[in-house]
Amino acid sequence: MFYGLIQLSWFDATTAALPFVTVILLHFFNKVLNDKATRRVAKANEITTAKNLLDEEGATTTTATTAANGKTAAAANNNAVNGKVQKQKSEQCEDHEDEDTISIENLFPCDQSEIYASKKISFIIDEVIQTEANYVNNLRKGLKNYGEMHQHAEVPEALKGAENSTRLLGNVEEILMLHEKQILPLMLRNQRDLKSLFDEFATCIDKNEFYCYVIFMMNKKTSMQLRQENREWLQSWQNKINDKLGIDSFLVQPIQRLTRYPLLLQQFISEFYKSGISCKPVLVSVCKLETRMRRLLEVVNQAEDVPAIEDLAELKLLEQGYFRRATDFEAYHHRSRKRYTAKVFLFDRCLICAELRKKRLTYRHHYDWPTIELQLNGSKSVKVLLRPSDSKEAVKASKEEYDFTAQEANTVTQWLRCARKILEVERVESAMRGKFSLPMDLLLAVVAIIWYFWNSLY
């Protein structure tokens, strides 16, 4: 009788049991974290008690000193404490700043009220949001002053037309759209949830949303030259529209803003440690974001040299994907047996080697990633091997093409890490070419629809 009223499938049972299993797991993990926190507090109390006993013992055995000596000792003590805080900040932040592994402690939200209780931290957060709003307004105002200038009849021939306007202003409009539509709304909706703010900001960088700054920097020299050639007319236009700062001040704001982010994040991290706040998830997120911002700033600064490569007629840079890194090496080319100072550029689709001659970059070679191999040749050198082009020669060994040697081992480590990431992405994309892949969300939706109709029919 009851079987006709209740038909419980394994899917229904699993769905009903899932909330209970989740609650039990949450209670278990919460208990583990509470026990861990209790042990930390107990250990901290023991250390504090021991320090107090030592201070009392020292006070009974020492004599009074002069006021000058007392001031000197206090100053030395303050310097030692400040140095300890800075050392602790750098060491602990290095542990968390690039932490990609999932930690159980980071999965649970922490109480962020003590973060906002710090007036200095609250001031930094408010400054980040307020300066972001000002930045958006300044970009919008600058585009209004100079974005439609090319349409006026009295504009010089070198500044007429949309193409010359792009040469002058670069992609400022794209940068404005990024901050107006994504970054500023992101900050406003997460100003009371710093972990989400930092995580979403870092996600934007990971998705190459900030690549517009790389493109802007590539256009910097072209824009500066165009402004210099038309300086007199631009000055008269500035007076006509009553712009006190001028076009130079307007076009330097994107780079100023990008360099401002890491400074504000470093201030936040410093105050975080000085205040003794114990909210690890927020610390991990801000350190990861600060690391990504510094790496982004390095790439943006290096992008200025990309358009300076001469004799690139056979290679179109816009078709080589994202620019990732430029590094100075002492290069040795095995085929020509020539040694020279080189700057090596990494793109998503190829590696470009240019010779550095008195601040001039002359194109030498480029290699598509599937055609080469990279080998670490000591701590400061990388060997580039050329793979056999003919599949019949696959059994033959790869030929030595280049030796890139840096002055510091860290330079090679960073360069090689970047190159291997590009190679891994290229390998995955090559493996996926020609294969049909169904998004997981769509697959789950199809399964849910089939299950619904199945239960409706039967």
Protein backbone atom coordinates (compact mmCIF):
# COMPACT_ATOMS: atom_id res chain seq x y z
CA MET A 1 0.00 0.00 0.00
CA PHE A 2 2.75 2.42 0.91
CA TYR A 3 4.76 1.44 -2.15
CA GLY A 4 2.15 3.00 -4.42
CA LEU A 5 2.22 6.26 -2.43
CA ILE A 6 5.99 6.60 -2.07
CA GLN A 7 8.36 5.87 -4.93
CA LEU A 8 11.88 6.73 -3.73
CA SER A 9 14.65 6.32 -6.31
CA TRP A 10 18.36 6.31 -5.58
CA PHE A 11 18.62 9.84 -7.05
CA ASP A 12 15.92 11.12 -4.66
CA ALA A 13 17.63 9.44 -1.71
CA THR A 14 20.98 10.96 -2.63
CA THR A 15 19.45 14.42 -3.04
CA ALA A 16 17.70 14.17 0.34
CA ALA A 17 20.81 12.87 2.13
CA LEU A 18 23.22 15.43 0.65
CA PRO A 19 22.25 18.35 3.00
CA PHE A 20 22.65 16.14 6.08
CA VAL A 21 26.04 14.86 4.95
CA THR A 22 27.13 18.46 4.23
CA VAL A 23 26.07 19.65 7.70
CA ILE A 24 27.92 16.77 9.36
CA LEU A 25 31.11 17.52 7.39
CA LEU A 26 30.88 21.22 8.20
CA HIS A 27 30.54 20.47 11.92
CA PHE A 28 33.52 18.13 11.73
CA PHE A 29 35.77 20.63 9.94
CA ASN A 30 34.62 23.42 12.24
CA LYS A 31 35.56 21.35 15.28
CA VAL A 32 39.00 20.62 13.80
CA LEU A 33 39.60 24.32 13.10
CA ASN A 34 38.38 25.35 16.56
CA ASP A 35 40.73 22.84 18.20
CA LYS A 36 43.58 24.18 16.08
CA ALA A 37 42.75 27.77 17.03
CA THR A 38 42.49 26.79 20.71
CA ARG A 39 45.95 25.23 20.61
CA ARG A 40 47.34 28.38 18.99
CA VAL A 41 45.80 30.60 21.66
CA ALA A 42 47.11 28.34 24.44
CA LYS A 43 50.58 28.40 22.95
CA ALA A 44 50.46 32.18 22.60
CA ASN A 45 49.39 32.51 26.26
CA GLU A 46 52.27 30.30 27.35
CA ILE A 47 54.74 32.43 25.39
CA THR A 48 53.26 35.63 26.86
CA THR A 49 53.46 34.23 30.41
CA ALA A 50 57.07 33.20 29.90
CA LYS A 51 57.96 36.65 28.56
CA ASN A 52 56.30 38.32 31.56
CA LEU A 53 58.25 36.13 33.98
CA LEU A 54 61.49 36.95 32.19
CA ASP A 55 60.66 40.67 32.28
CA GLU A 56 59.94 40.54 36.01
CA GLU A 57 63.17 38.65 36.68
CA GLY A 58 65.13 41.11 34.57
CA ALA A 59 63.55 44.05 36.35
CA THR A 60 64.71 42.80 39.74
CA THR A 61 68.30 42.23 38.65
CA THR A 62 68.95 45.39 36.59
CA THR A 63 69.62 48.86 37.88
CA ALA A 64 68.21 52.14 36.77
CA THR A 65 69.95 53.80 33.80
CA THR A 66 70.08 57.39 32.65
CA ALA A 67 67.28 58.99 30.64
CA ALA A 68 69.47 59.25 27.52
CA ASN A 69 70.33 55.57 27.63
CA GLY A 70 66.67 54.79 28.18
CA LYS A 71 65.67 56.73 25.07
CA THR A 72 68.39 55.03 23.02
CA ALA A 73 67.28 51.61 24.17
CA ALA A 74 63.64 52.41 23.42
CA ALA A 75 64.50 53.61 19.93
CA ALA A 76 66.56 50.48 19.28
CA ASN A 77 63.70 48.35 20.58
CA ASN A 78 61.21 50.09 18.28
CA ASN A 79 63.50 49.58 15.30
CA ALA A 80 63.87 45.93 16.17
CA VAL A 81 60.11 45.51 16.46
CA ASN A 82 59.50 47.32 13.15
CA GLY A 83 62.16 45.21 11.47
CA LYS A 84 60.55 42.07 12.86
CA VAL A 85 57.15 43.15 11.57
CA GLN A 86 58.55 43.84 8.10
CA LYS A 87 60.41 40.52 8.06
CA GLN A 88 57.33 38.68 9.28
CA LYS A 89 55.22 40.41 6.63
CA SER A 90 57.56 39.52 3.78
CA GLU A 91 58.07 35.90 4.88
CA GLN A 92 54.42 35.12 5.59
CA CYS A 93 53.16 36.93 2.52
CA GLU A 94 55.58 34.97 0.35
CA ASP A 95 54.03 31.83 1.82
CA HIS A 96 50.51 32.93 0.84
CA GLU A 97 50.85 35.29 -2.12
CA ASP A 98 50.96 32.59 -4.78
CA GLU A 99 49.16 29.85 -2.87
CA ASP A 100 47.06 27.95 -5.39
CA THR A 101 46.40 24.89 -3.25
CA ILE A 102 43.06 24.57 -1.49
CA SER A 103 43.32 24.85 2.28
CA ILE A 104 40.41 23.78 4.48
CA GLU A 105 40.98 26.84 6.64
CA ASN A 106 40.49 29.09 3.60
CA LEU A 107 37.20 27.50 2.59
CA PHE A 108 35.32 28.96 5.56
CA PRO A 109 34.52 32.67 5.86
CA CYS A 110 36.30 34.52 8.62
CA ASP A 111 35.08 37.40 10.74
CA GLN A 112 36.15 40.52 8.84
CA SER A 113 34.77 42.93 11.43
CA GLU A 114 38.16 43.26 13.15
CA ILE A 115 39.67 44.30 9.80
CA TYR A 116 37.24 47.19 9.49
CA ALA A 117 37.81 48.04 13.16
CA SER A 118 41.28 49.23 12.16
CA LYS A 119 41.02 52.88 11.12
CA LYS A 120 44.15 52.70 8.96
CA ILE A 121 42.90 49.67 7.03
CA SER A 122 39.46 51.23 6.59
CA PHE A 123 41.16 54.36 5.27
CA ILE A 124 43.16 52.29 2.74
CA ILE A 125 40.01 50.51 1.53
CA ASP A 126 38.14 53.80 1.18
CA GLU A 127 41.12 55.28 -0.69
CA VAL A 128 41.19 52.36 -3.15
CA ILE A 129 37.50 52.78 -3.98
CA GLN A 130 37.50 56.58 -4.04
CA THR A 131 40.58 56.83 -6.26
CA GLU A 132 39.06 54.21 -8.57
CA ALA A 133 35.94 56.36 -8.98
CA ASN A 134 38.10 59.44 -9.61
CA TYR A 135 40.13 57.50 -12.17
CA VAL A 136 37.00 56.52 -14.09
CA ASN A 137 35.77 60.12 -14.06
CA ASN A 138 39.13 61.43 -15.28
CA LEU A 139 39.26 58.95 -18.16
CA ARG A 140 35.70 59.80 -19.15
CA LYS A 141 36.47 63.53 -19.04
CA GLY A 142 39.70 63.07 -21.04
CA LEU A 143 37.92 61.10 -23.75
CA LYS A 144 35.30 63.82 -23.95
CA ASN A 145 38.03 66.44 -24.44
CA TYR A 146 40.24 64.56 -26.88
CA GLY A 147 38.30 61.53 -28.12
CA GLU A 148 36.29 63.43 -30.75
CA MET A 149 38.98 65.97 -31.57
CA HIS A 150 39.82 64.25 -34.90
CA GLN A 151 36.38 65.15 -36.27
CA HIS A 152 36.90 68.92 -36.14
CA ALA A 153 37.70 70.77 -39.36
CA GLU A 154 40.67 72.73 -37.98
CA VAL A 155 42.55 69.65 -36.74
CA PRO A 156 45.93 69.01 -38.47
CA GLU A 157 46.09 66.35 -41.16
CA ALA A 158 48.24 64.09 -38.94
CA LEU A 159 45.44 63.96 -36.33
CA LYS A 160 42.44 63.57 -38.65
CA GLY A 161 40.42 60.37 -38.82
CA ALA A 162 39.71 57.53 -36.43
CA GLU A 163 42.99 55.76 -37.23
CA ASN A 164 45.12 58.75 -36.23
CA SER A 165 42.97 59.21 -33.14
CA THR A 166 43.82 55.64 -32.13
CA ARG A 167 47.50 56.33 -32.71
CA LEU A 168 47.24 59.39 -30.46
CA LEU A 169 45.09 58.03 -27.63
CA GLY A 170 45.72 54.32 -27.91
CA ASN A 171 42.99 52.12 -26.43
CA VAL A 172 42.04 54.42 -23.56
CA GLU A 173 38.36 53.81 -24.32
CA GLU A 174 38.86 50.08 -23.74
CA ILE A 175 40.59 50.80 -20.43
CA LEU A 176 37.70 53.05 -19.40
CA MET A 177 35.18 50.31 -20.20
CA LEU A 178 37.14 47.82 -18.09
CA HIS A 179 37.16 50.02 -14.99
CA GLU A 180 33.71 51.53 -15.45
CA LYS A 181 31.88 48.27 -16.17
CA GLN A 182 33.89 45.74 -14.16
CA ILE A 183 36.47 46.98 -11.65
CA LEU A 184 34.59 49.85 -10.00
CA PRO A 185 31.30 47.87 -9.66
CA LEU A 186 33.36 44.95 -8.32
CA MET A 187 34.82 47.19 -5.60
CA LEU A 188 31.49 48.77 -4.69
CA ARG A 189 29.58 45.52 -4.26
CA ASN A 190 32.41 43.88 -2.27
CA GLN A 191 33.57 46.75 -0.07
CA ARG A 192 32.28 44.85 2.99
CA ASP A 193 33.67 41.51 1.80
CA LEU A 194 37.37 41.97 1.13
CA LYS A 195 38.09 38.35 0.29
CA SER A 196 35.58 38.42 -2.56
CA LEU A 197 36.95 41.78 -3.69
CA PHE A 198 40.54 40.52 -3.87
CA ASP A 199 39.56 37.16 -5.41
CA GLU A 200 37.41 38.69 -8.16
CA PHE A 201 40.10 41.27 -8.91
CA ALA A 202 42.71 38.52 -9.25
CA THR A 203 40.34 36.55 -11.50
CA CYS A 204 40.12 39.53 -13.85
CA ILE A 205 43.92 39.52 -14.15
CA ASP A 206 44.01 35.75 -14.70
CA LYS A 207 41.47 36.13 -17.52
CA ASN A 208 43.71 38.73 -19.22
CA GLU A 209 41.14 41.50 -18.71
CA PHE A 210 44.05 43.88 -17.99
CA TYR A 211 45.84 43.08 -21.24
CA CYS A 212 44.47 46.40 -22.52
CA TYR A 213 47.27 48.05 -20.51
CA VAL A 214 49.86 46.02 -22.43
CA ILE A 215 48.38 47.24 -25.71
CA PHE A 216 48.31 50.80 -24.35
CA MET A 217 52.02 50.62 -23.49
CA MET A 218 52.87 49.26 -26.94
CA ASN A 219 51.34 52.41 -28.43
CA LYS A 220 53.16 54.75 -26.02
CA LYS A 221 56.08 55.76 -28.30
CA THR A 222 53.80 56.33 -31.28
CA SER A 223 51.55 58.57 -29.21
CA MET A 224 54.45 60.55 -27.75
CA GLN A 225 55.94 61.15 -31.18
CA LEU A 226 52.58 62.29 -32.58
CA ARG A 227 52.06 64.66 -29.67
CA GLN A 228 55.54 66.10 -30.06
CA GLU A 229 55.04 66.75 -33.77
CA ASN A 230 51.72 68.55 -33.14
CA ARG A 231 52.58 70.19 -29.80
CA GLU A 232 51.64 73.72 -30.81
CA TRP A 233 48.18 72.82 -32.09
CA LEU A 234 47.44 70.56 -29.11
CA GLN A 235 48.35 73.42 -26.79
CA SER A 236 45.91 75.73 -28.56
CA TRP A 237 43.21 73.04 -28.35
CA GLN A 238 43.89 72.64 -24.63
CA ASN A 239 43.35 76.37 -24.12
CA LYS A 240 40.20 76.28 -26.25
CA ILE A 241 38.51 73.57 -24.16
CA ASN A 242 39.88 75.07 -20.92
CA ASP A 243 41.74 71.91 -19.87
CA LYS A 244 44.23 72.84 -17.15
CA LEU A 245 46.20 69.55 -17.23
CA GLY A 246 46.46 68.80 -20.94
CA ILE A 247 46.67 65.66 -23.03
CA ASP A 248 50.03 64.53 -21.60
CA SER A 249 48.60 64.39 -18.09
CA PHE A 250 45.54 62.55 -19.39
CA LEU A 251 47.53 59.84 -21.18
CA VAL A 252 49.88 59.18 -18.28
CA GLN A 253 47.01 58.37 -15.88
CA PRO A 254 46.52 54.70 -16.91
CA ILE A 255 50.12 53.76 -16.03
CA GLN A 256 50.00 55.85 -12.85
CA ARG A 257 46.87 54.01 -11.79
CA LEU A 258 48.34 50.60 -12.52
CA THR A 259 51.43 51.35 -10.44
CA ARG A 260 49.22 52.62 -7.61
CA TYR A 261 47.48 49.27 -7.03
CA PRO A 262 50.52 47.33 -5.69
CA LEU A 263 51.43 50.23 -3.38
CA LEU A 264 47.96 50.29 -1.83
CA LEU A 265 47.94 46.52 -1.45
CA GLN A 266 51.35 46.59 0.24
CA GLN A 267 50.05 49.21 2.67
CA PHE A 268 47.07 46.99 3.40
CA ILE A 269 49.29 43.93 4.04
CA SER A 270 51.63 45.95 6.29
CA GLU A 271 48.75 47.27 8.42
CA PHE A 272 47.22 43.79 8.46
CA TYR A 273 50.29 42.40 10.23
CA LYS A 274 50.81 45.42 12.49
CA SER A 275 47.22 45.13 13.72
CA GLY A 276 47.66 41.43 14.50
CA ILE A 277 44.52 40.45 12.60
CA SER A 278 43.97 36.68 12.34
CA CYS A 279 41.94 36.33 9.16
CA LYS A 280 44.00 34.06 6.94
CA PRO A 281 41.56 33.81 3.97
CA VAL A 282 41.72 37.58 3.42
CA LEU A 283 45.51 37.57 3.84
CA VAL A 284 45.93 34.79 1.26
CA SER A 285 43.67 36.61 -1.21
CA VAL A 286 45.37 40.00 -0.90
CA CYS A 287 48.85 38.48 -1.20
CA LYS A 288 47.87 36.56 -4.33
CA LEU A 289 46.39 39.71 -5.84
CA GLU A 290 49.46 41.79 -4.96
CA THR A 291 51.69 39.20 -6.64
CA ARG A 292 49.58 39.19 -9.78
CA MET A 293 49.57 42.99 -9.91
CA ARG A 294 53.36 43.13 -9.66
CA ARG A 295 53.75 40.55 -12.44
CA LEU A 296 51.25 42.42 -14.59
CA LEU A 297 53.15 45.66 -14.06
CA GLU A 298 56.40 43.96 -15.14
CA VAL A 299 54.80 42.74 -18.38
CA VAL A 300 53.29 46.17 -19.07
CA ASN A 301 56.68 47.87 -18.62
CA GLN A 302 58.37 45.30 -20.87
CA ALA A 303 55.70 45.74 -23.57
CA GLU A 304 57.12 49.16 -24.43
CA ASP A 305 60.02 47.45 -26.24
CA VAL A 306 57.83 45.27 -28.46
CA PRO A 307 57.13 47.91 -31.17
CA ALA A 308 60.83 48.86 -31.16
CA ILE A 309 61.85 45.59 -32.85
CA GLU A 310 63.14 46.48 -36.31
CA ASP A 311 62.89 44.47 -39.57
CA LEU A 312 59.78 42.55 -38.58
CA ALA A 313 58.19 42.60 -42.05
CA GLU A 314 57.83 38.82 -42.23
CA LEU A 315 56.16 38.53 -38.84
CA LYS A 316 52.88 40.12 -37.72
CA LEU A 317 52.93 40.62 -33.96
CA LEU A 318 49.17 41.03 -33.69
CA GLU A 319 48.77 37.44 -34.87
CA GLN A 320 51.10 35.97 -32.22
CA GLY A 321 48.65 36.01 -29.33
CA TYR A 322 49.27 37.64 -25.95
CA PHE A 323 52.68 39.07 -25.11
CA ARG A 324 53.97 37.45 -21.91
CA ARG A 325 57.55 38.51 -21.10
CA ALA A 326 60.74 40.14 -22.41
CA THR A 327 64.13 39.22 -20.91
CA ASP A 328 67.73 40.27 -21.60
CA PHE A 329 70.19 37.45 -22.29
CA GLU A 330 73.68 36.88 -23.61
CA ALA A 331 72.79 34.78 -26.66
CA TYR A 332 74.91 32.34 -28.63
CA HIS A 333 73.52 31.20 -31.99
CA HIS A 334 74.97 27.80 -32.88
CA ARG A 335 74.36 27.89 -36.65
CA SER A 336 76.04 31.26 -37.23
CA ARG A 337 78.39 30.87 -34.25
CA LYS A 338 77.65 34.44 -33.21
CA ARG A 339 77.41 35.75 -29.69
CA TYR A 340 75.53 38.97 -28.86
CA THR A 341 73.32 40.70 -26.30
CA ALA A 342 69.72 39.78 -27.02
CA LYS A 343 66.24 40.51 -25.79
CA VAL A 344 63.95 37.49 -25.99
CA PHE A 345 60.20 38.06 -26.28
CA LEU A 346 57.66 35.40 -25.33
CA PHE A 347 54.27 35.35 -27.06
CA ASP A 348 51.54 32.76 -26.88
CA ARG A 349 52.40 31.42 -30.32
CA CYS A 350 56.11 32.04 -30.73
CA LEU A 351 59.46 33.07 -29.28
CA ILE A 352 61.20 36.09 -30.84
CA CYS A 353 64.91 36.81 -30.48
CA ALA A 354 66.17 40.36 -31.19
CA GLU A 355 69.72 41.69 -30.99
CA LEU A 356 70.31 44.71 -28.78
CA ARG A 357 72.58 47.29 -30.46
CA LYS A 358 72.95 50.67 -28.74
CA LYS A 359 69.30 50.73 -27.58
CA ARG A 360 68.15 49.45 -30.98
CA LEU A 361 66.45 46.08 -31.33
CA THR A 362 67.12 44.19 -34.56
CA TYR A 363 65.03 41.12 -35.31
CA ARG A 364 67.04 37.89 -35.66
CA HIS A 365 64.84 34.80 -35.38
CA HIS A 366 61.46 33.59 -34.28
CA TYR A 367 60.29 30.05 -33.45
CA ASP A 368 56.81 28.60 -33.14
CA TRP A 369 56.49 26.74 -29.86
CA PRO A 370 55.82 23.27 -31.37
CA THR A 371 59.14 23.48 -33.25
CA ILE A 372 61.46 23.95 -30.24
CA GLU A 373 62.41 22.41 -26.90
CA LEU A 374 63.82 24.16 -23.83
CA GLN A 375 66.47 22.68 -21.54
CA LEU A 376 67.96 24.15 -18.39
CA ASN A 377 71.73 24.27 -18.93
CA GLY A 378 73.00 25.16 -15.47
CA SER A 379 71.35 27.62 -13.12
CA LYS A 380 71.89 30.67 -15.36
CA SER A 381 71.53 29.26 -18.87
CA VAL A 382 68.79 27.84 -21.09
CA LYS A 383 69.37 25.82 -24.23
CA VAL A 384 66.91 26.10 -27.15
CA LEU A 385 66.73 22.94 -29.27
CA LEU A 386 65.18 22.80 -32.73
CA ARG A 387 63.02 19.75 -33.31
CA PRO A 388 63.27 17.81 -36.61
CA SER A 389 60.84 19.31 -39.11
CA ASP A 390 60.27 16.05 -41.00
CA SER A 391 58.25 13.39 -39.21
CA LYS A 392 60.50 10.73 -40.77
CA GLU A 393 63.40 12.26 -38.87
CA ALA A 394 61.64 12.04 -35.52
CA VAL A 395 64.14 9.47 -34.33
CA LYS A 396 66.95 11.98 -34.78
CA ALA A 397 68.00 14.17 -31.90
CA SER A 398 66.97 17.82 -31.73
CA LYS A 399 69.58 20.28 -32.93
CA GLU A 400 71.06 22.97 -30.73
CA GLU A 401 69.85 26.39 -31.85
CA TYR A 402 70.48 28.96 -29.08
CA ASP A 403 72.09 29.29 -25.66
CA PHE A 404 70.53 32.04 -23.53
CA THR A 405 72.60 33.05 -20.49
CA ALA A 406 71.46 35.51 -17.79
CA GLN A 407 73.41 37.27 -15.05
CA GLU A 408 71.19 35.88 -12.29
CA ALA A 409 69.65 32.46 -11.81
CA ASN A 410 66.35 34.00 -10.72
CA THR A 411 65.98 35.61 -14.16
CA VAL A 412 66.27 32.22 -15.85
CA THR A 413 63.85 30.66 -13.37
CA GLN A 414 61.14 33.25 -14.02
CA TRP A 415 61.65 33.17 -17.79
CA LEU A 416 61.57 29.39 -17.94
CA ARG A 417 58.47 29.23 -15.74
CA CYS A 418 56.65 31.59 -18.08
CA ALA A 419 57.79 29.68 -21.19
CA ARG A 420 56.72 26.33 -19.76
CA LYS A 421 53.28 27.67 -18.94
CA ILE A 422 52.90 28.78 -22.55
CA LEU A 423 54.10 25.38 -23.77
CA GLU A 424 51.64 23.57 -21.50
CA VAL A 425 48.71 25.68 -22.72
CA GLU A 426 49.78 25.10 -26.32
CA ARG A 427 50.03 21.34 -25.69
CA VAL A 428 46.53 21.19 -24.20
CA GLU A 429 45.06 23.26 -27.03
CA SER A 430 46.74 21.04 -29.63
CA ALA A 431 45.35 17.94 -27.94
CA MET A 432 41.84 19.40 -27.91
CA ARG A 433 41.82 20.48 -31.55
CA GLY A 434 39.29 18.50 -33.58
CA LYS A 435 37.69 17.04 -30.45
CA PHE A 436 34.13 17.80 -29.41
CA SER A 437 33.82 18.93 -25.81
CA LEU A 438 30.56 19.55 -23.99
CA PRO A 439 30.52 22.13 -21.17
CA MET A 440 29.82 20.58 -17.77
CA ASP A 441 26.93 22.97 -17.04
CA LEU A 442 25.22 22.02 -20.28
CA LEU A 443 25.81 18.32 -19.59
CA LEU A 444 24.25 18.58 -16.12
CA ALA A 445 21.31 20.50 -17.54
CA VAL A 446 20.70 17.78 -20.15
CA VAL A 447 20.87 15.07 -17.46
CA ALA A 448 18.42 17.00 -15.27
CA ILE A 449 15.96 17.44 -18.17
CA ILE A 450 16.14 13.74 -19.05
CA TRP A 451 15.58 12.78 -15.41
CA TYR A 452 12.60 15.16 -15.15
CA PHE A 453 10.88 13.79 -18.25
CA TRP A 454 11.62 10.23 -17.21
CA ASN A 455 9.90 10.73 -13.85
CA SER A 456 7.02 12.62 -15.48
CA LEU A 457 6.33 9.80 -17.96
CA TYR A 458 6.65 6.95 -15.52
